[in-house]
Amino acid sequence: MTDFLSLVASRRSIRRYREGSIDRERIERIIRAGTWAPSAHNRQPWRFVVIESKTKKRLLAEAMAAAFRRDLQRDGALLPEMEARIAGSVERFRSAPLLLLACLTMKPLDAYPDAVRQQAEHVMGVQSVAAAIQNILLAAYVDGLGSCWHCAPLFCQSEVRKVLRLPDEFQPQALITMGLAAESPEPPPRYPLEQVILYRE
């Protein structure tokens, strides 16, 4: 248990990577770890898209940035701040050695006639994908790679679908950057347990 706690506490979200590709065997080994996550009804509603091409990474980053710019303009962001955030976003995704898009598919999950239960089923699917992502982040770390979970695709799903020519059933949930770490971030703060646990006897 001590070793496991040390593992999860020492993993970091990495945003800067060294040059170099990741071989397919390593990628599939890490994704396989994701597929061993628990899921709603064991329906495994996750789908993963591996993006290695520099051109595809650039096109995806630019399409997502265009959507980001529209959102920031609607929010009334100041131009210098807006352009700096957009440039950082493009560079983050364009320069990562590997992008892994985690998607949800509702096809294997149950369908209900009422909106309340159907919404609950959708949330269960999202939770399942999130569990798989956590496995992937830990597996990448154990395999000597850095990674970072980005939720940006949630804000521009149509743009992501178009650039990657995704099947209609694929609902983009998160974009994971991955590669050899070029930084060693300090541990982020965590709330004390008494702030996040509520006991009821």
Foldseek 3Di string as FASTA:
>chain_A
DVVVVVLVQQADAFQDADDDADDPVLVVVLLVLLQPFDADVNLSQKDKDKDQDLVLQLQLLVLLLVLQLVVCVVVVHDDVVSVVVSVSSNCSRNVFRIKMWIWGFCVSWDDDPDPVVRVVRVVRRLVSSVRSVVSSQSSLVVVQKHKHKAQSCQSPVVSNCVSVVDDPRTGTGIMMGMHHHPDRDDRDDDDDVVVVDDDDD
